[in-house]
Protein backbone atom coordinates (compact mmCIF):
# COMPACT_ATOMS: atom_id res chain seq x y z
CA MET A 1 0.00 0.00 0.00
CA LYS A 2 1.23 3.47 -0.89
CA ASN A 3 2.00 6.11 1.73
CA MET A 4 -1.28 7.94 2.41
CA SER A 5 0.16 10.66 4.63
CA SER A 6 -0.26 13.37 1.97
CA TRP A 7 -4.06 12.90 1.79
CA THR A 8 -5.98 15.21 4.16
CA LYS A 9 -9.40 15.77 2.56
CA LYS A 10 -12.44 14.18 4.17
CA ASP A 11 -14.44 14.60 0.92
CA LEU A 12 -14.07 14.05 -2.81
CA LEU A 13 -16.23 16.68 -4.49
CA GLY A 14 -14.47 17.16 -7.85
CA LEU A 15 -11.16 17.09 -9.68
CA TYR A 16 -11.12 20.88 -10.11
CA GLU A 17 -10.04 21.23 -6.48
CA LEU A 18 -7.40 18.47 -6.52
CA ASN A 19 -3.78 18.99 -7.46
CA LYS A 20 -1.62 16.70 -9.56
CA GLU A 21 -0.15 14.90 -6.54
CA GLU A 22 -3.58 14.18 -5.03
CA ILE A 23 -4.89 12.77 -8.31
CA GLU A 24 -1.80 10.59 -8.67
CA LEU A 25 -2.20 9.38 -5.08
CA ILE A 26 -5.73 8.17 -5.86
CA LEU A 27 -4.49 6.40 -9.01
CA ASP A 28 -1.56 4.80 -7.17
CA THR A 29 -3.85 3.66 -4.36
CA ALA A 30 -6.22 2.17 -6.94
CA ASP A 31 -3.24 0.26 -8.37
CA SER A 32 -2.73 -1.30 -4.97
CA PHE A 33 -6.40 -2.24 -4.63
CA LYS A 34 -6.93 -3.65 -8.13
CA GLU A 35 -5.14 -6.90 -7.28
CA ILE A 36 -7.84 -7.67 -4.70
CA SER A 37 -10.38 -8.25 -7.48
CA THR A 38 -8.26 -11.11 -8.85
CA ARG A 39 -8.30 -13.07 -5.58
CA GLU A 40 -10.59 -15.96 -4.80
CA ILE A 41 -11.76 -14.06 -1.70
CA LYS A 42 -12.15 -10.49 -2.91
CA LYS A 43 -12.03 -8.68 0.44
CA VAL A 44 -9.69 -6.74 2.69
CA PRO A 45 -10.54 -5.34 6.14
CA ALA A 46 -9.56 -1.72 5.35
CA LEU A 47 -13.03 -0.29 6.19
CA ARG A 48 -14.27 -2.96 8.57
CA GLY A 49 -16.70 -1.39 11.02
CA LYS A 50 -17.39 1.59 8.73
CA THR A 51 -20.76 2.30 7.11
CA VAL A 52 -21.11 3.70 3.57
CA VAL A 53 -24.47 5.13 2.48
CA ASN A 54 -25.21 5.41 -1.25
CA LEU A 55 -27.69 8.31 -1.53
CA PHE A 56 -28.87 8.51 -5.14
CA TYR A 57 -31.34 11.14 -6.32
CA GLU A 58 -30.89 10.07 -9.96
CA PRO A 59 -31.12 6.63 -11.58
CA SER A 60 -27.82 4.76 -11.81
CA THR A 61 -26.61 1.26 -12.53
CA ARG A 62 -22.85 1.23 -13.06
CA THR A 63 -21.89 3.93 -10.56
CA ARG A 64 -24.12 2.80 -7.69
CA VAL A 65 -23.27 -0.88 -8.06
CA SER A 66 -19.57 -0.05 -8.46
CA PHE A 67 -19.54 1.94 -5.21
CA GLU A 68 -21.43 -0.84 -3.45
CA VAL A 69 -19.00 -3.51 -4.63
CA ALA A 70 -16.03 -1.28 -3.77
CA ALA A 71 -17.29 -0.66 -0.22
CA LYS A 72 -18.03 -4.35 0.37
CA ARG A 73 -14.58 -5.36 -0.87
CA LEU A 74 -13.18 -3.03 1.78
CA SER A 75 -15.42 -4.85 4.33
CA ALA A 76 -17.65 -1.82 4.96
CA ASP A 77 -21.36 -2.11 5.65
CA VAL A 78 -23.42 -0.60 2.81
CA ILE A 79 -26.86 1.04 2.82
CA ASN A 80 -28.49 2.04 -0.47
CA ILE A 81 -31.06 4.86 -0.47
CA ALA A 82 -33.01 5.73 -3.60
CA ALA A 83 -34.51 9.20 -3.19
CA GLN A 84 -37.76 8.26 -4.89
CA GLU A 85 -38.34 5.65 -2.15
CA SER A 86 -37.25 7.86 0.77
CA SER A 87 -38.55 10.77 2.87
CA VAL A 88 -37.48 13.09 0.04
CA LYS A 89 -40.89 12.35 -1.46
CA LYS A 90 -42.39 13.79 1.73
CA GLY A 91 -40.46 17.03 1.35
CA GLU A 92 -37.29 16.31 3.32
CA THR A 93 -34.33 18.45 2.25
CA ILE A 94 -30.96 17.09 1.24
CA ILE A 95 -29.41 18.66 4.35
CA ASP A 96 -31.95 17.02 6.67
CA THR A 97 -31.43 13.70 4.94
CA GLY A 98 -27.65 14.05 5.31
CA THR A 99 -27.72 15.07 8.96
CA ASN A 100 -30.05 12.17 9.76
CA ILE A 101 -27.65 9.77 8.06
CA GLN A 102 -24.86 11.30 10.15
CA ALA A 103 -26.96 10.85 13.30
CA LEU A 104 -27.22 7.16 12.44
CA LYS A 105 -23.41 7.10 12.79
CA ALA A 106 -22.65 6.39 9.13
CA ASP A 107 -19.11 7.27 8.03
CA ILE A 108 -19.34 8.10 4.31
CA ILE A 109 -22.16 9.38 2.09
CA VAL A 110 -21.84 8.75 -1.64
CA ILE A 111 -24.28 11.13 -3.31
CA ARG A 112 -25.62 11.53 -6.83
CA HIS A 113 -27.90 14.48 -7.46
CA ASP A 114 -29.34 16.32 -10.45
CA SER A 115 -28.33 19.74 -9.06
CA SER A 116 -24.82 21.06 -9.59
CA GLY A 117 -23.14 21.74 -6.26
CA ALA A 118 -25.36 19.38 -4.25
CA ALA A 119 -22.43 17.31 -2.96
CA ALA A 120 -20.50 20.41 -1.90
CA MET A 121 -23.54 21.83 -0.13
CA LEU A 122 -24.08 18.58 1.77
CA SER A 123 -20.40 18.43 2.77
CA ARG A 124 -20.71 21.84 4.45
CA HIS A 125 -23.48 20.57 6.73
CA VAL A 126 -22.11 17.19 7.83
CA ASN A 127 -18.88 16.16 9.50
CA ILE A 128 -18.72 12.73 7.86
CA SER A 129 -17.15 12.16 4.45
CA VAL A 130 -19.02 13.02 1.25
CA VAL A 131 -18.14 11.56 -2.15
CA ASN A 132 -19.62 13.11 -5.29
CA ALA A 133 -21.03 10.42 -7.58
CA GLY A 134 -22.20 13.02 -10.10
CA ASP A 135 -23.91 16.38 -9.53
CA GLY A 136 -25.93 17.94 -12.31
CA TRP A 137 -23.73 19.18 -15.16
CA HIS A 138 -20.89 19.95 -12.76
CA GLU A 139 -18.55 16.98 -12.09
CA HIS A 140 -18.36 13.20 -11.92
CA PRO A 141 -14.90 12.79 -10.37
CA THR A 142 -14.75 9.02 -9.92
CA GLN A 143 -15.76 8.41 -13.54
CA ALA A 144 -12.92 10.66 -14.72
CA LEU A 145 -10.52 8.97 -12.32
CA LEU A 146 -11.37 5.52 -13.64
CA ASP A 147 -11.06 6.80 -17.22
CA ILE A 148 -7.61 8.23 -16.44
CA PHE A 149 -6.62 5.10 -14.52
CA THR A 150 -7.55 2.95 -17.54
CA LEU A 151 -5.55 5.17 -19.90
CA ARG A 152 -2.51 5.07 -17.63
CA GLU A 153 -2.79 1.30 -17.32
CA LYS A 154 -3.05 0.77 -21.10
CA ILE A 155 -0.42 3.31 -22.24
CA GLY A 156 1.77 3.65 -19.17
CA LYS A 157 1.51 7.43 -18.82
CA ILE A 158 -0.82 10.42 -19.05
CA LYS A 159 1.63 13.27 -19.64
CA GLY A 160 1.93 14.06 -23.34
CA LEU A 161 -1.13 12.07 -24.43
CA HIS A 162 -3.75 13.58 -26.73
CA VAL A 163 -7.27 12.68 -25.63
CA VAL A 164 -10.34 13.62 -27.66
CA ILE A 165 -13.69 13.89 -25.88
CA VAL A 166 -16.55 13.74 -28.35
CA GLY A 167 -20.27 14.22 -27.80
CA ASP A 168 -22.60 16.25 -25.63
CA ILE A 169 -19.95 18.37 -23.89
CA SER A 170 -22.42 21.02 -22.69
CA HIS A 171 -24.39 18.67 -20.45
CA SER A 172 -21.52 16.37 -19.47
CA ARG A 173 -20.15 16.26 -15.94
CA VAL A 174 -17.90 13.44 -17.16
CA ALA A 175 -16.29 15.76 -19.71
CA ARG A 176 -15.61 18.45 -17.13
CA SER A 177 -13.98 16.10 -14.64
CA ASN A 178 -11.92 14.45 -17.38
CA ILE A 179 -10.67 17.82 -18.63
CA TRP A 180 -9.59 18.92 -15.14
CA GLY A 181 -7.89 15.62 -14.38
CA LEU A 182 -6.17 15.06 -17.71
CA THR A 183 -4.83 18.60 -18.08
CA LYS A 184 -3.47 18.61 -14.52
CA LEU A 185 -1.56 15.42 -15.36
CA GLY A 186 -0.10 16.93 -18.52
CA ALA A 187 -2.35 15.58 -21.27
CA LYS A 188 -3.68 17.56 -24.23
CA VAL A 189 -7.49 17.50 -24.42
CA THR A 190 -9.63 18.29 -27.46
CA VAL A 191 -13.41 18.49 -27.19
CA CYS A 192 -15.36 17.79 -30.36
CA ALA A 193 -19.07 18.30 -30.99
CA PRO A 194 -21.53 20.41 -32.96
CA PRO A 195 -21.27 24.10 -31.92
CA MET A 196 -24.51 24.02 -29.87
CA LEU A 197 -23.03 21.26 -27.68
CA ILE A 198 -19.81 23.10 -26.79
CA PRO A 199 -20.06 25.34 -23.68
CA GLU A 200 -18.96 28.95 -23.96
CA GLU A 201 -15.42 29.65 -22.78
CA ILE A 202 -14.57 25.93 -22.56
CA GLU A 203 -11.03 26.87 -23.62
CA LYS A 204 -10.53 28.39 -20.15
CA THR A 205 -10.44 24.83 -18.79
CA GLY A 206 -7.39 24.10 -20.90
CA ALA A 207 -9.24 22.13 -23.57
CA GLN A 208 -9.07 22.87 -27.28
CA VAL A 209 -12.18 22.90 -29.46
CA CYS A 210 -12.75 21.16 -32.80
CA HIS A 211 -15.97 20.66 -34.75
CA ASP A 212 -14.56 18.05 -37.18
CA ILE A 213 -14.17 14.62 -35.62
CA ASP A 214 -11.90 13.30 -38.37
CA GLU A 215 -9.55 16.23 -37.87
CA ALA A 216 -9.64 15.84 -34.08
CA LEU A 217 -8.78 12.15 -34.23
CA LYS A 218 -5.72 12.55 -36.49
CA SER A 219 -3.24 12.83 -33.62
CA ALA A 220 -5.34 11.29 -30.84
CA ASP A 221 -4.07 8.53 -28.56
CA ALA A 222 -7.55 7.97 -27.14
CA VAL A 223 -11.13 9.03 -27.74
CA ASN A 224 -13.69 9.22 -24.94
CA VAL A 225 -17.16 8.95 -26.48
CA LEU A 226 -19.95 10.59 -24.49
CA ARG A 227 -23.59 9.61 -24.54
CA MET A 228 -25.77 11.98 -26.52
CA GLN A 229 -28.30 13.26 -23.98
CA PHE A 230 -31.23 13.78 -26.32
CA GLU A 231 -33.60 13.91 -23.33
CA ARG A 232 -32.12 17.35 -22.50
CA ASP A 233 -32.91 18.75 -25.97
CA LEU A 234 -35.96 20.75 -24.91
CA LYS A 235 -35.60 23.28 -27.74
CA GLY A 236 -35.03 20.80 -30.57
CA ALA A 237 -31.58 22.29 -31.21
CA PHE A 238 -29.62 19.03 -31.42
CA PRO A 239 -28.89 17.37 -34.76
CA ASN A 240 -31.09 14.33 -35.36
CA GLN A 241 -29.64 10.96 -34.45
CA HIS A 242 -28.87 9.87 -38.00
CA GLU A 243 -27.16 13.17 -38.80
CA TYR A 244 -25.16 13.10 -35.59
CA PHE A 245 -23.91 9.54 -36.18
CA LYS A 246 -22.89 10.41 -39.74
CA LYS A 247 -20.87 13.47 -38.68
CA PHE A 248 -19.56 12.51 -35.23
CA GLY A 249 -20.17 8.79 -34.68
CA ILE A 250 -17.12 6.63 -33.91
CA THR A 251 -17.07 3.92 -36.55
CA LYS A 252 -14.64 1.32 -37.84
CA GLU A 253 -14.19 3.35 -41.03
CA ARG A 254 -13.15 6.43 -39.02
CA LEU A 255 -10.69 4.48 -36.89
CA GLU A 256 -9.03 2.97 -39.96
CA LYS A 257 -7.88 6.48 -40.93
CA VAL A 258 -6.21 7.38 -37.61
CA LYS A 259 -3.40 6.21 -35.32
CA LYS A 260 -3.27 2.44 -35.03
CA GLY A 261 -4.16 1.28 -31.55
CA ILE A 262 -6.18 4.36 -30.62
CA ILE A 263 -8.05 3.63 -27.39
CA VAL A 264 -11.84 3.95 -27.42
CA MET A 265 -13.62 4.73 -24.16
CA HIS A 266 -17.22 5.34 -23.12
CA PRO A 267 -18.63 6.07 -19.64
CA GLY A 268 -21.93 4.35 -20.47
CA PRO A 269 -24.73 3.83 -21.03
CA LEU A 270 -24.03 3.37 -24.74
CA ASN A 271 -26.34 4.49 -27.51
CA ARG A 272 -25.21 2.07 -30.20
CA GLY A 273 -25.59 3.44 -33.70
CA ILE A 274 -25.89 7.01 -32.41
CA GLU A 275 -22.52 7.94 -30.91
CA ILE A 276 -20.62 4.68 -31.47
CA SER A 277 -21.05 1.63 -33.69
CA SER A 278 -21.35 -1.83 -32.16
CA GLU A 279 -18.35 -2.87 -34.22
CA VAL A 280 -16.20 -0.33 -32.38
CA ALA A 281 -17.82 -0.72 -28.95
CA ASP A 282 -17.12 -4.46 -29.01
CA GLY A 283 -13.88 -4.23 -31.00
CA ALA A 284 -10.19 -4.50 -30.22
CA ASN A 285 -9.71 -0.77 -29.58
CA SER A 286 -12.45 -0.63 -26.97
CA VAL A 287 -11.65 -0.61 -23.23
CA ILE A 288 -15.24 0.04 -22.16
CA LEU A 289 -15.60 -3.09 -20.00
CA GLU A 290 -12.11 -2.54 -18.56
CA GLN A 291 -13.31 0.89 -17.45
CA VAL A 292 -16.12 -0.79 -15.51
CA THR A 293 -13.69 -3.21 -13.85
CA ASN A 294 -11.26 -0.41 -13.01
CA GLY A 295 -14.07 1.63 -11.51
CA ILE A 296 -14.15 -0.74 -8.54
CA ALA A 297 -10.45 -0.27 -7.74
CA VAL A 298 -10.69 3.51 -8.16
CA ARG A 299 -13.75 3.77 -5.92
CA MET A 300 -12.09 1.52 -3.33
CA ALA A 301 -9.18 3.97 -3.34
CA VAL A 302 -11.47 6.99 -2.96
CA LEU A 303 -13.50 5.46 -0.12
CA PHE A 304 -10.33 4.42 1.69
CA LEU A 305 -8.63 7.80 1.31
CA VAL A 306 -11.58 9.96 2.38
CA SER A 307 -12.02 7.71 5.40
CA GLN A 308 -8.47 8.73 6.42
CA GLY A 309 -8.99 12.44 5.71
CA LYS A 310 -9.64 14.86 8.55
CA GLU A 311 -9.69 18.34 7.02
CA LYS A 312 -12.42 19.81 4.89
CA PRO A 313 -11.21 20.71 1.36
């Protein structure tokens, strides 16, 4: 196990607030924990006696299950709360829910919420650890960490890599966290999408902008394909699905024109035939299922580290 003495934060709210050394510490700790998943008995006692509460105000499969598996592999007790089945339906606020969980002597709250800043707000009102599992359009730090972990594992480094993020950048908390994490570790990031799906002033994050996917992919080492969130298109401004796939979809034909061995990633859930072809999603360049596997090790690392942290960020 790596030396954890440099970690002081009780919460993980986003990658914007972390420095290079803190991000690398999470990745190195995840390296140490990944081996556990290969054992016959996939458990260590690192969080024995601790209680982790998964508080999800939005639907989730991969993230919630991944956190649950991660906590159980650390020997923690796990409680899952779906907001639609809780006192939230009776009008209870997020702060009241959080302070009640704290009063039950839980140790860590993992929260997903549809409002940006919800995790940070909760962290200011409880003394136990808070981990952001995705808040509105703001950040999804553990998804970015597992993406970066997978890249580092496959290529051996992050510094100097060129990563293209393609898709619905405007509504993507995954894109924001990936940009913060990758640029802090020395990677070049290009975001690629139709103009209406690129946020204003995105260049201030350190990312470059391109509206031509073939041009963006020319020098790319990896492409992270985001789900097109058509359910957010209230004004009918998005291109239709067929048009989007033709201009921005990641296909075998596109990959044949770029760097051999380019890594293809996707945070899920996939819209096959809209942002990525099945041929690519299931092909040799894809590390999509490896991302899911690596998510357990990364979330084990995060839960372990915040449990050691004492200071608020």
